[in-house]
Amino acid sequence: MAELKQKDRDALPESNFAFEKQRKEPLENATHVRNAIARFNQVEGVTDDERDAAWKRIQGAAKKHGVEVHEKSWREIGKTHAAAKKG
């Protein structure tokens, strides 16, 4: 996994995080983008508006880093896999 050292993470601008104010879920590379999607619903203390903004940043980073995103909205995260397992 592409882990950021604390010094490098602290040096990143807020715009390089899915959740800018909280500086959560960096979007520096494809691995980070996939992790941001996987952990999206675990981020606490954010509003739906902040989630909407974070999702847009994730989508932009996914396109930049060549990560395929199946969900159209953050509200779909986890639902497509659960539906596939039931079928």
PDB file of N, CA and C in Angstrom:
ATOM      1  N   MET A   1       0.847  -1.175   0.000  1.00  0.00           N
ATOM      2  CA  MET A   1       0.000   0.000   0.000  1.00  0.00           C
ATOM      3  C   MET A   1       0.891   1.235   0.000  1.00  0.00           C
ATOM      4  N   ALA A   2       0.448   2.271  -0.690  1.00  0.00           N
ATOM      5  CA  ALA A   2       1.201   3.520  -0.756  1.00  0.00           C
ATOM      6  C   ALA A   2       0.874   4.362   0.469  1.00  0.00           C
ATOM      7  N   GLU A   3       1.697   4.208   1.478  1.00  0.00           N
ATOM      8  CA  GLU A   3       1.457   4.903   2.737  1.00  0.00           C
ATOM      9  C   GLU A   3       2.217   6.218   2.751  1.00  0.00           C
ATOM     10  N   LEU A   4       1.540   7.271   3.191  1.00  0.00           N
ATOM     11  CA  LEU A   4       2.182   8.574   3.306  1.00  0.00           C
ATOM     12  C   LEU A   4       2.790   8.726   4.686  1.00  0.00           C
ATOM     13  N   LYS A   5       4.013   9.202   4.726  1.00  0.00           N
ATOM     14  CA  LYS A   5       4.618   9.526   6.010  1.00  0.00           C
ATOM     15  C   LYS A   5       3.940  10.786   6.533  1.00  0.00           C
ATOM     16  N   GLN A   6       3.869  10.929   7.845  1.00  0.00           N
ATOM     17  CA  GLN A   6       3.161  12.058   8.448  1.00  0.00           C
ATOM     18  C   GLN A   6       3.675  13.399   7.918  1.00  0.00           C
ATOM     19  N   LYS A   7       4.973  13.524   7.769  1.00  0.00           N
ATOM     20  CA  LYS A   7       5.572  14.760   7.260  1.00  0.00           C
ATOM     21  C   LYS A   7       5.050  15.075   5.854  1.00  0.00           C
ATOM     22  N   ASP A   8       4.992  14.055   4.998  1.00  0.00           N
ATOM     23  CA  ASP A   8       4.506  14.240   3.626  1.00  0.00           C
ATOM     24  C   ASP A   8       3.009  14.540   3.616  1.00  0.00           C
ATOM     25  N   ARG A   9       2.280  13.867   4.478  1.00  0.00           N
ATOM     26  CA  ARG A   9       0.830  14.094   4.578  1.00  0.00           C
ATOM     27  C   ARG A   9       0.549  15.526   5.031  1.00  0.00           C
ATOM     28  N   ASP A  10       1.303  15.994   6.016  1.00  0.00           N
ATOM     29  CA  ASP A  10       1.118  17.346   6.526  1.00  0.00           C
ATOM     30  C   ASP A  10       1.430  18.401   5.474  1.00  0.00           C
ATOM     31  N   ALA A  11       2.305  18.066   4.529  1.00  0.00           N
ATOM     32  CA  ALA A  11       2.705  19.007   3.493  1.00  0.00           C
ATOM     33  C   ALA A  11       1.682  19.106   2.356  1.00  0.00           C
ATOM     34  N   LEU A  12       0.756  18.157   2.275  1.00  0.00           N
ATOM     35  CA  LEU A  12      -0.237  18.172   1.203  1.00  0.00           C
ATOM     36  C   LEU A  12      -1.231  19.316   1.405  1.00  0.00           C
ATOM     37  N   PRO A  13      -1.635  19.967   0.312  1.00  0.00           N
ATOM     38  CA  PRO A  13      -2.692  20.973   0.434  1.00  0.00           C
ATOM     39  C   PRO A  13      -4.035  20.292   0.723  1.00  0.00           C
ATOM     40  N   GLU A  14      -4.941  21.038   1.336  1.00  0.00           N
ATOM     41  CA  GLU A  14      -6.256  20.473   1.666  1.00  0.00           C
ATOM     42  C   GLU A  14      -6.943  19.892   0.441  1.00  0.00           C
ATOM     43  N   SER A  15      -6.724  20.501  -0.719  1.00  0.00           N
ATOM     44  CA  SER A  15      -7.394  20.050  -1.942  1.00  0.00           C
ATOM     45  C   SER A  15      -6.978  18.648  -2.370  1.00  0.00           C
ATOM     46  N   ASN A  16      -5.942  18.085  -1.768  1.00  0.00           N
ATOM     47  CA  ASN A  16      -5.501  16.731  -2.092  1.00  0.00           C
ATOM     48  C   ASN A  16      -6.153  15.675  -1.207  1.00  0.00           C
ATOM     49  N   PHE A  17      -7.131  16.073  -0.437  1.00  0.00           N
ATOM     50  CA  PHE A  17      -7.866  15.150   0.434  1.00  0.00           C
ATOM     51  C   PHE A  17      -9.325  15.104  -0.001  1.00  0.00           C
ATOM     52  N   ALA A  18      -9.947  13.951   0.134  1.00  0.00           N
ATOM     53  CA  ALA A  18     -11.373  13.849  -0.163  1.00  0.00           C
ATOM     54  C   ALA A  18     -12.159  14.760   0.775  1.00  0.00           C
ATOM     55  N   PHE A  19     -11.843  14.673   2.055  1.00  0.00           N
ATOM     56  CA  PHE A  19     -12.485  15.522   3.062  1.00  0.00           C
ATOM     57  C   PHE A  19     -11.483  16.600   3.441  1.00  0.00           C
ATOM     58  N   GLU A  20     -11.594  17.742   2.796  1.00  0.00           N
ATOM     59  CA  GLU A  20     -10.575  18.781   2.907  1.00  0.00           C
ATOM     60  C   GLU A  20     -10.385  19.317   4.320  1.00  0.00           C
ATOM     61  N   LYS A  21     -11.459  19.787   4.944  1.00  0.00           N
ATOM     62  CA  LYS A  21     -11.345  20.402   6.276  1.00  0.00           C
ATOM     63  C   LYS A  21     -10.757  19.439   7.298  1.00  0.00           C
ATOM     64  N   GLN A  22     -11.178  18.186   7.223  1.00  0.00           N
ATOM     65  CA  GLN A  22     -10.731  17.164   8.175  1.00  0.00           C
ATOM     66  C   GLN A  22      -9.381  16.562   7.777  1.00  0.00           C
ATOM     67  N   ARG A  23      -8.941  16.873   6.551  1.00  0.00           N
ATOM     68  CA  ARG A  23      -7.699  16.314   6.006  1.00  0.00           C
ATOM     69  C   ARG A  23      -7.721  14.781   6.086  1.00  0.00           C
ATOM     70  N   LYS A  24      -8.856  14.225   5.663  1.00  0.00           N
ATOM     71  CA  LYS A  24      -9.019  12.771   5.675  1.00  0.00           C
ATOM     72  C   LYS A  24      -9.083  12.245   4.257  1.00  0.00           C
ATOM     73  N   GLU A  25      -8.521  11.084   4.077  1.00  0.00           N
ATOM     74  CA  GLU A  25      -8.515  10.343   2.816  1.00  0.00           C
ATOM     75  C   GLU A  25      -7.760  11.082   1.710  1.00  0.00           C
ATOM     76  N   PRO A  26      -6.423  11.001   1.744  1.00  0.00           N
ATOM     77  CA  PRO A  26      -5.620  11.622   0.685  1.00  0.00           C
ATOM     78  C   PRO A  26      -5.897  10.962  -0.666  1.00  0.00           C
ATOM     79  N   LEU A  27      -5.716  11.730  -1.719  1.00  0.00           N
ATOM     80  CA  LEU A  27      -6.017  11.264  -3.075  1.00  0.00           C
ATOM     81  C   LEU A  27      -4.796  11.388  -3.979  1.00  0.00           C
ATOM     82  N   GLU A  28      -3.651  10.980  -3.485  1.00  0.00           N
ATOM     83  CA  GLU A  28      -2.375  11.171  -4.172  1.00  0.00           C
ATOM     84  C   GLU A  28      -2.104  10.182  -5.301  1.00  0.00           C
ATOM     85  N   ASN A  29      -2.735   9.028  -5.257  1.00  0.00           N
ATOM     86  CA  ASN A  29      -2.470   8.009  -6.279  1.00  0.00           C
ATOM     87  C   ASN A  29      -3.652   7.041  -6.330  1.00  0.00           C
ATOM     88  N   ALA A  30      -3.583   6.069  -7.208  1.00  0.00           N
ATOM     89  CA  ALA A  30      -4.693   5.131  -7.397  1.00  0.00           C
ATOM     90  C   ALA A  30      -5.017   4.355  -6.121  1.00  0.00           C
ATOM     91  N   THR A  31      -3.990   3.950  -5.389  1.00  0.00           N
ATOM     92  CA  THR A  31      -4.220   3.209  -4.145  1.00  0.00           C
ATOM     93  C   THR A  31      -4.980   4.058  -3.139  1.00  0.00           C
ATOM     94  N   HIS A  32      -4.580   5.315  -3.009  1.00  0.00           N
ATOM     95  CA  HIS A  32      -5.277   6.205  -2.081  1.00  0.00           C
ATOM     96  C   HIS A  32      -6.725   6.435  -2.500  1.00  0.00           C
ATOM     97  N   VAL A  33      -6.961   6.549  -3.791  1.00  0.00           N
ATOM     98  CA  VAL A  33      -8.327   6.746  -4.285  1.00  0.00           C
ATOM     99  C   VAL A  33      -9.192   5.534  -3.934  1.00  0.00           C
ATOM    100  N   ARG A  34      -8.664   4.335  -4.182  1.00  0.00           N
ATOM    101  CA  ARG A  34      -9.426   3.124  -3.846  1.00  0.00           C
ATOM    102  C   ARG A  34      -9.684   3.040  -2.341  1.00  0.00           C
ATOM    103  N   ASN A  35      -8.698   3.412  -1.534  1.00  0.00           N
ATOM    104  CA  ASN A  35      -8.887   3.415  -0.081  1.00  0.00           C
ATOM    105  C   ASN A  35      -9.922   4.448   0.347  1.00  0.00           C
ATOM    106  N   ALA A  36      -9.911   5.607  -0.287  1.00  0.00           N
ATOM    107  CA  ALA A  36     -10.882   6.649   0.047  1.00  0.00           C
ATOM    108  C   ALA A  36     -12.303   6.166  -0.213  1.00  0.00           C
ATOM    109  N   ILE A  37     -12.481   5.435  -1.299  1.00  0.00           N
ATOM    110  CA  ILE A  37     -13.808   4.887  -1.606  1.00  0.00           C
ATOM    111  C   ILE A  37     -14.180   3.822  -0.578  1.00  0.00           C
ATOM    112  N   ALA A  38     -13.256   2.933  -0.285  1.00  0.00           N
ATOM    113  CA  ALA A  38     -13.527   1.844   0.661  1.00  0.00           C
ATOM    114  C   ALA A  38     -13.843   2.362   2.069  1.00  0.00           C
ATOM    115  N   ARG A  39     -13.213   3.447   2.455  1.00  0.00           N
ATOM    116  CA  ARG A  39     -13.391   3.978   3.816  1.00  0.00           C
ATOM    117  C   ARG A  39     -14.386   5.132   3.893  1.00  0.00           C
ATOM    118  N   PHE A  40     -14.973   5.477   2.794  1.00  0.00           N
ATOM    119  CA  PHE A  40     -15.834   6.654   2.717  1.00  0.00           C
ATOM    120  C   PHE A  40     -16.900   6.681   3.806  1.00  0.00           C
ATOM    121  N   ASN A  41     -17.597   5.582   3.989  1.00  0.00           N
ATOM    122  CA  ASN A  41     -18.689   5.540   4.965  1.00  0.00           C
ATOM    123  C   ASN A  41     -18.203   5.460   6.409  1.00  0.00           C
ATOM    124  N   GLN A  42     -16.914   5.315   6.607  1.00  0.00           N
ATOM    125  CA  GLN A  42     -16.356   5.263   7.966  1.00  0.00           C
ATOM    126  C   GLN A  42     -15.987   6.644   8.502  1.00  0.00           C
ATOM    127  N   VAL A  43     -15.957   7.644   7.620  1.00  0.00           N
ATOM    128  CA  VAL A  43     -15.606   9.006   8.045  1.00  0.00           C
ATOM    129  C   VAL A  43     -16.763   9.568   8.853  1.00  0.00           C
ATOM    130  N   GLU A  44     -16.453  10.025  10.055  1.00  0.00           N
ATOM    131  CA  GLU A  44     -17.472  10.540  10.965  1.00  0.00           C
ATOM    132  C   GLU A  44     -17.362  12.052  11.092  1.00  0.00           C
ATOM    133  N   GLY A  45     -18.451  12.659  11.529  1.00  0.00           N
ATOM    134  CA  GLY A  45     -18.454  14.085  11.818  1.00  0.00           C
ATOM    135  C   GLY A  45     -18.476  14.980  10.593  1.00  0.00           C
ATOM    136  N   VAL A  46     -19.037  14.490   9.485  1.00  0.00           N
ATOM    137  CA  VAL A  46     -19.155  15.302   8.275  1.00  0.00           C
ATOM    138  C   VAL A  46     -20.612  15.340   7.828  1.00  0.00           C
ATOM    139  N   THR A  47     -20.975  16.418   7.172  1.00  0.00           N
ATOM    140  CA  THR A  47     -22.339  16.591   6.685  1.00  0.00           C
ATOM    141  C   THR A  47     -22.504  15.915   5.326  1.00  0.00           C
ATOM    142  N   ASP A  48     -23.740  15.782   4.898  1.00  0.00           N
ATOM    143  CA  ASP A  48     -23.991  15.236   3.564  1.00  0.00           C
ATOM    144  C   ASP A  48     -23.411  16.156   2.488  1.00  0.00           C
ATOM    145  N   ASP A  49     -23.441  17.472   2.713  1.00  0.00           N
ATOM    146  CA  ASP A  49     -22.832  18.396   1.747  1.00  0.00           C
ATOM    147  C   ASP A  49     -21.332  18.160   1.642  1.00  0.00           C
ATOM    148  N   GLU A  50     -20.682  17.915   2.775  1.00  0.00           N
ATOM    149  CA  GLU A  50     -19.250  17.614   2.760  1.00  0.00           C
ATOM    150  C   GLU A  50     -18.990  16.284   2.065  1.00  0.00           C
ATOM    151  N   ARG A  51     -19.886  15.313   2.253  1.00  0.00           N
ATOM    152  CA  ARG A  51     -19.746  14.028   1.557  1.00  0.00           C
ATOM    153  C   ARG A  51     -19.920  14.210   0.050  1.00  0.00           C
ATOM    154  N   ASP A  52     -20.879  15.037  -0.348  1.00  0.00           N
ATOM    155  CA  ASP A  52     -21.078  15.311  -1.777  1.00  0.00           C
ATOM    156  C   ASP A  52     -19.815  15.908  -2.390  1.00  0.00           C
ATOM    157  N   ALA A  53     -19.226  16.881  -1.705  1.00  0.00           N
ATOM    158  CA  ALA A  53     -18.006  17.530  -2.199  1.00  0.00           C
ATOM    159  C   ALA A  53     -16.843  16.538  -2.237  1.00  0.00           C
ATOM    160  N   ALA A  54     -16.729  15.713  -1.198  1.00  0.00           N
ATOM    161  CA  ALA A  54     -15.663  14.715  -1.141  1.00  0.00           C
ATOM    162  C   ALA A  54     -15.817  13.721  -2.289  1.00  0.00           C
ATOM    163  N   TRP A  55     -17.045  13.313  -2.567  1.00  0.00           N
ATOM    164  CA  TRP A  55     -17.286  12.356  -3.645  1.00  0.00           C
ATOM    165  C   TRP A  55     -16.853  12.935  -4.985  1.00  0.00           C
ATOM    166  N   LYS A  56     -17.127  14.220  -5.207  1.00  0.00           N
ATOM    167  CA  LYS A  56     -16.702  14.859  -6.459  1.00  0.00           C
ATOM    168  C   LYS A  56     -15.180  14.866  -6.568  1.00  0.00           C
ATOM    169  N   ARG A  57     -14.499  15.126  -5.466  1.00  0.00           N
ATOM    170  CA  ARG A  57     -13.036  15.106  -5.489  1.00  0.00           C
ATOM    171  C   ARG A  57     -12.520  13.691  -5.747  1.00  0.00           C
ATOM    172  N   ILE A  58     -13.168  12.700  -5.161  1.00  0.00           N
ATOM    173  CA  ILE A  58     -12.774  11.304  -5.389  1.00  0.00           C
ATOM    174  C   ILE A  58     -12.969  10.932  -6.854  1.00  0.00           C
ATOM    175  N   GLN A  59     -14.096  11.336  -7.428  1.00  0.00           N
ATOM    176  CA  GLN A  59     -14.347  11.020  -8.833  1.00  0.00           C
ATOM    177  C   GLN A  59     -13.289  11.658  -9.740  1.00  0.00           C
ATOM    178  N   GLY A  60     -12.920  12.892  -9.449  1.00  0.00           N
ATOM    179  CA  GLY A  60     -11.893  13.563 -10.237  1.00  0.00           C
ATOM    180  C   GLY A  60     -10.546  12.872 -10.102  1.00  0.00           C
ATOM    181  N   ALA A  61     -10.198  12.499  -8.876  1.00  0.00           N
ATOM    182  CA  ALA A  61      -8.928  11.805  -8.641  1.00  0.00           C
ATOM    183  C   ALA A  61      -8.947  10.423  -9.283  1.00  0.00           C
ATOM    184  N   ALA A  62     -10.095   9.755  -9.257  1.00  0.00           N
ATOM    185  CA  ALA A  62     -10.200   8.432  -9.876  1.00  0.00           C
ATOM    186  C   ALA A  62      -9.944   8.534 -11.379  1.00  0.00           C
ATOM    187  N   LYS A  63     -10.523   9.525 -11.991  1.00  0.00           N
ATOM    188  CA  LYS A  63     -10.308   9.717 -13.432  1.00  0.00           C
ATOM    189  C   LYS A  63      -8.831  10.013 -13.706  1.00  0.00           C
ATOM    190  N   LYS A  64      -8.238  10.879 -12.901  1.00  0.00           N
ATOM    191  CA  LYS A  64      -6.831  11.256 -13.065  1.00  0.00           C
ATOM    192  C   LYS A  64      -5.900  10.053 -12.927  1.00  0.00           C
ATOM    193  N   HIS A  65      -6.203   9.158 -11.972  1.00  0.00           N
ATOM    194  CA  HIS A  65      -5.314   8.032 -11.675  1.00  0.00           C
ATOM    195  C   HIS A  65      -5.762   6.712 -12.305  1.00  0.00           C
ATOM    196  N   GLY A  66      -6.789   6.756 -13.153  1.00  0.00           N
ATOM    197  CA  GLY A  66      -7.223   5.561 -13.867  1.00  0.00           C
ATOM    198  C   GLY A  66      -7.931   4.524 -13.013  1.00  0.00           C
ATOM    199  N   VAL A  67      -8.672   4.978 -12.003  1.00  0.00           N
ATOM    200  CA  VAL A  67      -9.418   4.072 -11.126  1.00  0.00           C
ATOM    201  C   VAL A  67     -10.870   4.037 -11.592  1.00  0.00           C
ATOM    202  N   GLU A  68     -11.367   2.844 -11.848  1.00  0.00           N
ATOM    203  CA  GLU A  68     -12.750   2.683 -12.280  1.00  0.00           C
ATOM    204  C   GLU A  68     -13.672   2.732 -11.068  1.00  0.00           C
ATOM    205  N   VAL A  69     -14.675   3.605 -11.147  1.00  0.00           N
ATOM    206  CA  VAL A  69     -15.646   3.760 -10.066  1.00  0.00           C
ATOM    207  C   VAL A  69     -17.007   3.351 -10.613  1.00  0.00           C
ATOM    208  N   HIS A  70     -17.628   2.360  -9.987  1.00  0.00           N
ATOM    209  CA  HIS A  70     -18.915   1.860 -10.461  1.00  0.00           C
ATOM    210  C   HIS A  70     -20.081   2.645  -9.882  1.00  0.00           C
ATOM    211  N   GLU A  71     -19.916   3.181  -8.701  1.00  0.00           N
ATOM    212  CA  GLU A  71     -20.986   3.919  -8.043  1.00  0.00           C
ATOM    213  C   GLU A  71     -21.122   5.313  -8.657  1.00  0.00           C
ATOM    214  N   LYS A  72     -22.357   5.741  -8.862  1.00  0.00           N
ATOM    215  CA  LYS A  72     -22.623   7.078  -9.388  1.00  0.00           C
ATOM    216  C   LYS A  72     -22.685   8.096  -8.255  1.00  0.00           C
ATOM    217  N   SER A  73     -22.967   7.625  -7.060  1.00  0.00           N
ATOM    218  CA  SER A  73     -23.109   8.483  -5.881  1.00  0.00           C
ATOM    219  C   SER A  73     -22.487   7.779  -4.687  1.00  0.00           C
ATOM    220  N   TRP A  74     -22.057   8.549  -3.709  1.00  0.00           N
ATOM    221  CA  TRP A  74     -21.503   7.939  -2.493  1.00  0.00           C
ATOM    222  C   TRP A  74     -22.562   7.141  -1.753  1.00  0.00           C
ATOM    223  N   ARG A  75     -23.816   7.444  -1.995  1.00  0.00           N
ATOM    224  CA  ARG A  75     -24.908   6.719  -1.332  1.00  0.00           C
ATOM    225  C   ARG A  75     -25.021   5.275  -1.828  1.00  0.00           C
ATOM    226  N   GLU A  76     -24.379   4.971  -2.941  1.00  0.00           N
ATOM    227  CA  GLU A  76     -24.394   3.621  -3.509  1.00  0.00           C
ATOM    228  C   GLU A  76     -23.253   2.740  -2.998  1.00  0.00           C
ATOM    229  N   ILE A  77     -22.307   3.322  -2.279  1.00  0.00           N
ATOM    230  CA  ILE A  77     -21.145   2.556  -1.824  1.00  0.00           C
ATOM    231  C   ILE A  77     -21.594   1.390  -0.954  1.00  0.00           C
ATOM    232  N   GLY A  78     -21.133   0.216  -1.303  1.00  0.00           N
ATOM    233  CA  GLY A  78     -21.466  -0.986  -0.547  1.00  0.00           C
ATOM    234  C   GLY A  78     -22.736  -1.668  -1.007  1.00  0.00           C
ATOM    235  N   LYS A  79     -23.595  -0.959  -1.693  1.00  0.00           N
ATOM    236  CA  LYS A  79     -24.866  -1.550  -2.135  1.00  0.00           C
ATOM    237  C   LYS A  79     -24.693  -2.416  -3.367  1.00  0.00           C
ATOM    238  N   THR A  80     -23.791  -2.033  -4.269  1.00  0.00           N
ATOM    239  CA  THR A  80     -23.632  -2.826  -5.497  1.00  0.00           C
ATOM    240  C   THR A  80     -23.016  -4.178  -5.179  1.00  0.00           C
ATOM    241  N   HIS A  81     -22.059  -4.216  -4.232  1.00  0.00           N
ATOM    242  CA  HIS A  81     -21.441  -5.488  -3.864  1.00  0.00           C
ATOM    243  C   HIS A  81     -22.416  -6.366  -3.087  1.00  0.00           C
ATOM    244  N   ALA A  82     -23.217  -5.765  -2.217  1.00  0.00           N
ATOM    245  CA  ALA A  82     -24.184  -6.536  -1.435  1.00  0.00           C
ATOM    246  C   ALA A  82     -25.246  -7.141  -2.348  1.00  0.00           C
ATOM    247  N   ALA A  83     -25.693  -6.370  -3.349  1.00  0.00           N
ATOM    248  CA  ALA A  83     -26.687  -6.873  -4.296  1.00  0.00           C
ATOM    249  C   ALA A  83     -26.119  -8.013  -5.129  1.00  0.00           C
ATOM    250  N   ALA A  84     -24.866  -7.897  -5.522  1.00  0.00           N
ATOM    251  CA  ALA A  84     -24.234  -8.941  -6.328  1.00  0.00           C
ATOM    252  C   ALA A  84     -24.090 -10.237  -5.534  1.00  0.00           C
ATOM    253  N   LYS A  85     -23.814 -10.126  -4.243  1.00  0.00           N
ATOM    254  CA  LYS A  85     -23.655 -11.322  -3.408  1.00  0.00           C
ATOM    255  C   LYS A  85     -24.984 -12.022  -3.209  1.00  0.00           C
ATOM    256  N   LYS A  86     -26.086 -11.270  -3.125  1.00  0.00           N
ATOM    257  CA  LYS A  86     -27.412 -11.870  -2.916  1.00  0.00           C
ATOM    258  C   LYS A  86     -27.871 -12.618  -4.134  1.00  0.00           C
ATOM    259  N   GLY A  87     -27.510 -12.062  -5.347  1.00  0.00           N
ATOM    260  CA  GLY A  87     -27.974 -12.624  -6.606  1.00  0.00           C
ATOM    261  C   GLY A  87     -27.382 -13.930  -6.857  1.00  0.00           C
TER     262      GLY A  87
END
